[in-house]
C-alpha atoms as a PDB file:
ATOM      1  CA  MET A   1       0.000   0.000   0.000  1.00  0.00           C
ATOM      2  CA  ARG A   2       1.441   3.355  -1.047  1.00  0.00           C
ATOM      3  CA  GLU A   3       0.142   5.658   1.678  1.00  0.00           C
ATOM      4  CA  ALA A   4       3.446   7.271   2.565  1.00  0.00           C
ATOM      5  CA  ILE A   5       6.860   7.898   1.109  1.00  0.00           C
ATOM      6  CA  GLY A   6      10.198   8.277   2.835  1.00  0.00           C
ATOM      7  CA  MET A   7      13.554   9.316   1.442  1.00  0.00           C
ATOM      8  CA  ILE A   8      17.034   9.575   2.883  1.00  0.00           C
ATOM      9  CA  GLU A   9      19.723  11.355   0.857  1.00  0.00           C
ATOM     10  CA  LEU A  10      23.280  10.557   1.976  1.00  0.00           C
ATOM     11  CA  SER A  11      26.779  11.844   1.322  1.00  0.00           C
ATOM     12  CA  SER A  12      28.281   8.335   1.075  1.00  0.00           C
ATOM     13  CA  VAL A  13      27.569   5.401  -1.241  1.00  0.00           C
ATOM     14  CA  GLY A  14      28.676   2.821   1.332  1.00  0.00           C
ATOM     15  CA  VAL A  15      26.555   4.375   4.063  1.00  0.00           C
ATOM     16  CA  GLY A  16      23.713   4.527   1.540  1.00  0.00           C
ATOM     17  CA  TYR A  17      23.750   0.737   1.194  1.00  0.00           C
ATOM     18  CA  LEU A  18      23.966   0.355   4.976  1.00  0.00           C
ATOM     19  CA  VAL A  19      20.958   2.641   5.419  1.00  0.00           C
ATOM     20  CA  GLN A  20      19.016   0.805   2.705  1.00  0.00           C
ATOM     21  CA  ASP A  21      19.573  -2.515   4.475  1.00  0.00           C
ATOM     22  CA  ALA A  22      18.431  -1.069   7.812  1.00  0.00           C
ATOM     23  CA  MET A  23      15.339   0.511   6.236  1.00  0.00           C
ATOM     24  CA  LEU A  24      14.260  -2.704   4.514  1.00  0.00           C
ATOM     25  CA  LYS A  25      14.840  -4.904   7.576  1.00  0.00           C
ATOM     26  CA  ALA A  26      12.945  -2.562   9.911  1.00  0.00           C
ATOM     27  CA  ALA A  27       9.504  -2.648   8.298  1.00  0.00           C
ATOM     28  CA  ASP A  28       7.382  -3.956   5.467  1.00  0.00           C
ATOM     29  CA  VAL A  29       8.172  -1.246   2.912  1.00  0.00           C
ATOM     30  CA  GLU A  30       8.749  -1.282  -0.828  1.00  0.00           C
ATOM     31  CA  LEU A  31      11.997   0.119  -2.189  1.00  0.00           C
ATOM     32  CA  VAL A  32      10.933   2.606  -4.876  1.00  0.00           C
ATOM     33  CA  LEU A  33      14.370   3.906  -5.762  1.00  0.00           C
ATOM     34  CA  ALA A  34      17.895   3.359  -4.503  1.00  0.00           C
ATOM     35  CA  ARG A  35      20.919   4.564  -6.415  1.00  0.00           C
ATOM     36  CA  THR A  36      24.030   6.629  -6.532  1.00  0.00           C
ATOM     37  CA  ILE A  37      23.470  10.230  -7.494  1.00  0.00           C
ATOM     38  CA  CYS A  38      25.690  13.059  -8.635  1.00  0.00           C
ATOM     39  CA  SER A  39      28.550  14.203  -6.474  1.00  0.00           C
ATOM     40  CA  GLY A  40      29.076  10.709  -5.036  1.00  0.00           C
ATOM     41  CA  LYS A  41      25.875  10.692  -2.982  1.00  0.00           C
ATOM     42  CA  TYR A  42      23.276   7.941  -2.505  1.00  0.00           C
ATOM     43  CA  MET A  43      19.517   8.017  -2.051  1.00  0.00           C
ATOM     44  CA  ASN A  44      16.943   5.569  -0.778  1.00  0.00           C
ATOM     45  CA  VAL A  45      13.205   6.015  -1.357  1.00  0.00           C
ATOM     46  CA  VAL A  46      10.640   3.702   0.252  1.00  0.00           C
ATOM     47  CA  THR A  47       6.865   3.490   0.334  1.00  0.00           C
ATOM     48  CA  GLY A  48       4.263   1.640   2.345  1.00  0.00           C
ATOM     49  CA  ASN A  49       1.721   2.356   5.012  1.00  0.00           C
ATOM     50  CA  VAL A  50       2.442   5.329   7.245  1.00  0.00           C
ATOM     51  CA  ALA A  51       3.602   3.324  10.276  1.00  0.00           C
ATOM     52  CA  ALA A  52       5.911   1.127   8.194  1.00  0.00           C
ATOM     53  CA  VAL A  53       7.515   4.093   6.428  1.00  0.00           C
ATOM     54  CA  ARG A  54       8.040   5.889   9.743  1.00  0.00           C
ATOM     55  CA  ALA A  55       9.656   2.780  11.247  1.00  0.00           C
ATOM     56  CA  SER A  56      11.825   2.294   8.166  1.00  0.00           C
ATOM     57  CA  MET A  57      12.946   5.918   8.196  1.00  0.00           C
ATOM     58  CA  ALA A  58      13.767   5.800  11.916  1.00  0.00           C
ATOM     59  CA  ALA A  59      15.926   2.715  11.370  1.00  0.00           C
ATOM     60  CA  GLY A  60      17.644   4.248   8.348  1.00  0.00           C
ATOM     61  CA  LEU A  61      18.410   7.486  10.149  1.00  0.00           C
ATOM     62  CA  ALA A  62      19.703   5.571  13.194  1.00  0.00           C
ATOM     63  CA  ALA A  63      22.040   3.592  10.922  1.00  0.00           C
ATOM     64  CA  ALA A  64      23.605   6.806   9.607  1.00  0.00           C
ATOM     65  CA  PRO A  65      23.925   9.419  12.321  1.00  0.00           C
ATOM     66  CA  ASP A  66      26.462  11.176  10.088  1.00  0.00           C
ATOM     67  CA  GLY A  67      26.222  11.745   6.374  1.00  0.00           C
ATOM     68  CA  VAL A  68      22.515  12.520   6.041  1.00  0.00           C
ATOM     69  CA  ILE A  69      22.133  15.391   3.585  1.00  0.00           C
ATOM     70  CA  ASP A  70      18.353  15.550   3.589  1.00  0.00           C
ATOM     71  CA  GLN A  71      15.390  13.366   4.453  1.00  0.00           C
ATOM     72  CA  ILE A  72      11.611  13.412   4.299  1.00  0.00           C
ATOM     73  CA  THR A  73       8.723  11.349   5.544  1.00  0.00           C
ATOM     74  CA  LEU A  74       5.418  12.195   3.868  1.00  0.00           C
ATOM     75  CA  PRO A  75       2.297  10.504   5.218  1.00  0.00           C
ATOM     76  CA  ASN A  76      -0.744  10.421   2.938  1.00  0.00           C
ATOM     77  CA  VAL A  77       1.291  11.296  -0.137  1.00  0.00           C
ATOM     78  CA  HIS A  78      -0.714  12.395  -3.191  1.00  0.00           C
ATOM     79  CA  GLU A  79      -1.272   9.497  -5.582  1.00  0.00           C
ATOM     80  CA  SER A  80       0.158  11.413  -8.561  1.00  0.00           C
ATOM     81  CA  VAL A  81       3.641  11.576  -7.017  1.00  0.00           C
ATOM     82  CA  PHE A  82       4.503   7.938  -7.791  1.00  0.00           C
ATOM     83  CA  PRO A  83       3.805   7.965 -11.558  1.00  0.00           C
ATOM     84  CA  ALA A  84       5.679  11.282 -11.889  1.00  0.00           C
ATOM     85  CA  LEU A  85       8.643   9.792 -10.013  1.00  0.00           C
ATOM     86  CA  GLY A  86       8.649   6.933 -12.495  1.00  0.00           C
ATOM     87  CA  GLN A  87       8.332   9.439 -15.347  1.00  0.00           C
ATOM     88  CA  SER A  88       5.456   7.357 -16.665  1.00  0.00           C
ATOM     89  CA  VAL A  89       2.861  10.122 -17.006  1.00  0.00           C
ATOM     90  CA  THR A  90       1.457  10.694 -20.472  1.00  0.00           C
ATOM     91  CA  LEU A  91      -0.188  14.020 -21.105  1.00  0.00           C
ATOM     92  CA  PRO A  92      -3.074  14.231 -23.556  1.00  0.00           C
ATOM     93  CA  ASP A  93      -2.318  15.402 -27.070  1.00  0.00           C
ATOM     94  CA  GLY A  94      -1.968  19.122 -27.457  1.00  0.00           C
ATOM     95  CA  ARG A  95      -0.231  21.614 -25.273  1.00  0.00           C
ATOM     96  CA  PRO A  96      -1.345  22.463 -21.761  1.00  0.00           C
ATOM     97  CA  GLY A  97      -2.205  26.035 -20.878  1.00  0.00           C
ATOM     98  CA  ALA A  98       1.016  26.245 -18.908  1.00  0.00           C
ATOM     99  CA  VAL A  99       3.996  24.328 -17.613  1.00  0.00           C
ATOM    100  CA  GLY A 100       5.286  24.888 -14.079  1.00  0.00           C
ATOM    101  CA  ILE A 101       8.819  24.071 -12.962  1.00  0.00           C
ATOM    102  CA  VAL A 102      10.334  24.059  -9.483  1.00  0.00           C
ATOM    103  CA  GLU A 103      14.021  23.300  -8.946  1.00  0.00           C
ATOM    104  CA  SER A 104      15.708  22.500  -5.637  1.00  0.00           C
ATOM    105  CA  PHE A 105      19.212  21.898  -4.338  1.00  0.00           C
ATOM    106  CA  SER A 106      17.885  18.685  -2.752  1.00  0.00           C
ATOM    107  CA  ALA A 107      16.223  15.634  -4.242  1.00  0.00           C
ATOM    108  CA  ALA A 108      14.250  14.964  -1.050  1.00  0.00           C
ATOM    109  CA  SER A 109      12.726  18.432  -0.918  1.00  0.00           C
ATOM    110  CA  ILE A 110      11.449  18.205  -4.487  1.00  0.00           C
ATOM    111  CA  ILE A 111       9.308  15.172  -3.579  1.00  0.00           C
ATOM    112  CA  GLU A 112       7.777  17.148  -0.731  1.00  0.00           C
ATOM    113  CA  ALA A 113       7.230  20.099  -3.083  1.00  0.00           C
ATOM    114  CA  ALA A 114       5.529  17.899  -5.698  1.00  0.00           C
ATOM    115  CA  ASP A 115       3.197  16.457  -3.076  1.00  0.00           C
ATOM    116  CA  ALA A 116       2.262  19.952  -1.896  1.00  0.00           C
ATOM    117  CA  ALA A 117       1.634  21.186  -5.465  1.00  0.00           C
ATOM    118  CA  ALA A 118      -0.598  18.218  -6.307  1.00  0.00           C
ATOM    119  CA  LYS A 119      -2.625  18.737  -3.145  1.00  0.00           C
ATOM    120  CA  ALA A 120      -2.956  22.516  -3.606  1.00  0.00           C
ATOM    121  CA  ALA A 121      -3.813  22.891  -7.303  1.00  0.00           C
ATOM    122  CA  ALA A 122      -5.456  21.052 -10.191  1.00  0.00           C
ATOM    123  CA  VAL A 123      -2.161  20.299 -11.905  1.00  0.00           C
ATOM    124  CA  THR A 124      -0.817  17.155 -13.516  1.00  0.00           C
ATOM    125  CA  LEU A 125       2.584  16.207 -12.160  1.00  0.00           C
ATOM    126  CA  PHE A 126       4.340  14.690 -15.125  1.00  0.00           C
ATOM    127  CA  ARG A 127       7.948  14.510 -14.061  1.00  0.00           C
ATOM    128  CA  ILE A 128       9.869  14.438 -10.804  1.00  0.00           C
ATOM    129  CA  HIS A 129      13.559  14.267 -11.626  1.00  0.00           C
ATOM    130  CA  LEU A 130      15.870  13.307  -8.770  1.00  0.00           C
ATOM    131  CA  ALA A 131      19.529  14.189  -8.857  1.00  0.00           C
ATOM    132  CA  MET A 132      20.762  12.385 -11.997  1.00  0.00           C
ATOM    133  CA  ALA A 133      22.836  14.669 -14.247  1.00  0.00           C
ATOM    134  CA  LEU A 134      21.873  17.635 -12.064  1.00  0.00           C
ATOM    135  CA  GLY A 135      24.676  17.832  -9.542  1.00  0.00           C
ATOM    136  CA  GLY A 136      22.382  16.274  -6.934  1.00  0.00           C
ATOM    137  CA  LYS A 137      19.528  18.750  -7.426  1.00  0.00           C
ATOM    138  CA  GLY A 138      15.917  17.861  -8.157  1.00  0.00           C
ATOM    139  CA  PHE A 139      13.151  19.391 -10.214  1.00  0.00           C
ATOM    140  CA  LEU A 140       9.495  18.820 -10.912  1.00  0.00           C
ATOM    141  CA  LEU A 141       7.332  19.587 -13.925  1.00  0.00           C
ATOM    142  CA  MET A 142       3.589  20.149 -13.810  1.00  0.00           C
ATOM    143  CA  ALA A 143       0.989  21.012 -16.425  1.00  0.00           C
ATOM    144  CA  GLY A 144      -2.393  22.691 -16.251  1.00  0.00           C
ATOM    145  CA  THR A 145      -4.051  26.021 -16.676  1.00  0.00           C
ATOM    146  CA  VAL A 146      -1.955  29.117 -16.101  1.00  0.00           C
ATOM    147  CA  ALA A 147      -3.766  29.798 -12.813  1.00  0.00           C
ATOM    148  CA  ASP A 148      -3.377  26.219 -11.576  1.00  0.00           C
ATOM    149  CA  CYS A 149       0.313  26.086 -12.524  1.00  0.00           C
ATOM    150  CA  ARG A 150       0.947  29.387 -10.755  1.00  0.00           C
ATOM    151  CA  ALA A 151      -0.820  28.090  -7.643  1.00  0.00           C
ATOM    152  CA  GLY A 152       1.048  24.770  -7.765  1.00  0.00           C
ATOM    153  CA  VAL A 153       4.419  26.394  -8.361  1.00  0.00           C
ATOM    154  CA  ASP A 154       3.853  28.959  -5.593  1.00  0.00           C
ATOM    155  CA  VAL A 155       3.024  26.276  -3.026  1.00  0.00           C
ATOM    156  CA  ALA A 156       5.841  23.962  -4.132  1.00  0.00           C
ATOM    157  CA  ALA A 157       8.395  26.773  -4.198  1.00  0.00           C
ATOM    158  CA  GLU A 158       7.410  27.861  -0.694  1.00  0.00           C
ATOM    159  CA  VAL A 159       7.975  24.335   0.653  1.00  0.00           C
ATOM    160  CA  VAL A 160      11.489  24.326  -0.807  1.00  0.00           C
ATOM    161  CA  ARG A 161      12.176  27.985   0.093  1.00  0.00           C
ATOM    162  CA  GLU A 162      11.338  27.283   3.764  1.00  0.00           C
ATOM    163  CA  ARG A 163      14.144  24.731   3.766  1.00  0.00           C
ATOM    164  CA  GLY A 164      16.560  27.210   2.137  1.00  0.00           C
ATOM    165  CA  LEU A 165      16.941  25.025  -0.970  1.00  0.00           C
ATOM    166  CA  LEU A 166      15.064  26.819  -3.760  1.00  0.00           C
ATOM    167  CA  VAL A 167      16.972  27.214  -7.027  1.00  0.00           C
ATOM    168  CA  SER A 168      14.156  28.429  -9.269  1.00  0.00           C
ATOM    169  CA  SER A 169      10.397  28.451  -9.807  1.00  0.00           C
ATOM    170  CA  VAL A 170       8.968  29.187 -13.234  1.00  0.00           C
ATOM    171  CA  VAL A 171       5.587  29.194 -14.955  1.00  0.00           C
ATOM    172  CA  ILE A 172       5.556  29.196 -18.747  1.00  0.00           C
ATOM    173  CA  PRO A 173       2.136  30.170 -20.128  1.00  0.00           C
ATOM    174  CA  GLY A 174       1.253  28.657 -23.510  1.00  0.00           C
ATOM    175  CA  PRO A 175       4.493  26.738 -24.028  1.00  0.00           C
ATOM    176  CA  SER A 176       5.525  26.365 -27.655  1.00  0.00           C
ATOM    177  CA  LYS A 177       5.160  22.859 -29.021  1.00  0.00           C
ATOM    178  CA  GLU A 178       8.942  22.706 -29.588  1.00  0.00           C
ATOM    179  CA  LEU A 179       9.686  23.814 -26.027  1.00  0.00           C
ATOM    180  CA  PHE A 180       7.112  21.463 -24.598  1.00  0.00           C
ATOM    181  CA  ARG A 181       8.600  18.466 -26.411  1.00  0.00           C
ATOM    182  CA  GLU A 182      11.848  19.064 -24.527  1.00  0.00           C
ATOM    183  CA  TYR A 183      10.078  18.450 -21.214  1.00  0.00           C
ATOM    184  CA  ILE A 184       8.844  14.986 -22.100  1.00  0.00           C
END
């Protein structure tokens, strides 16, 4: 059951594997993503029911008292976060009214931002990109009306800004078909 999501971003590959093992042994969670990321870091993302994710995160954090760059535990995560993480969202033919983009210095914070945007506005999350080929940063892409994208971007950017990790937040009204193809 995908009720919650937890992520631990670490400064060490070896410690990343250690944390992953502790997280998976501690509770009945599903490993969504575990991999090395830019700058020699490692990330672990798990899902499951809220109690299991909390237990898994506690065990993972206890296994790595040093080296944690960022971490999140999101109970009741919006259902659209998972397909966007897997980059498996297909938008209907034609261009949306707008595209919203939020970029963060942290992969963990961009998941939290995406969840907040999906809960706050009628947007379609279509990509959550975590750390690969970005120097460890993360970004999210959303589509919808101009008003909905502005609302989603504003909420998502505030989540990241509160953590001191905001790189940029952009809304592009009426994206050109050529520009829009680059996002997919």
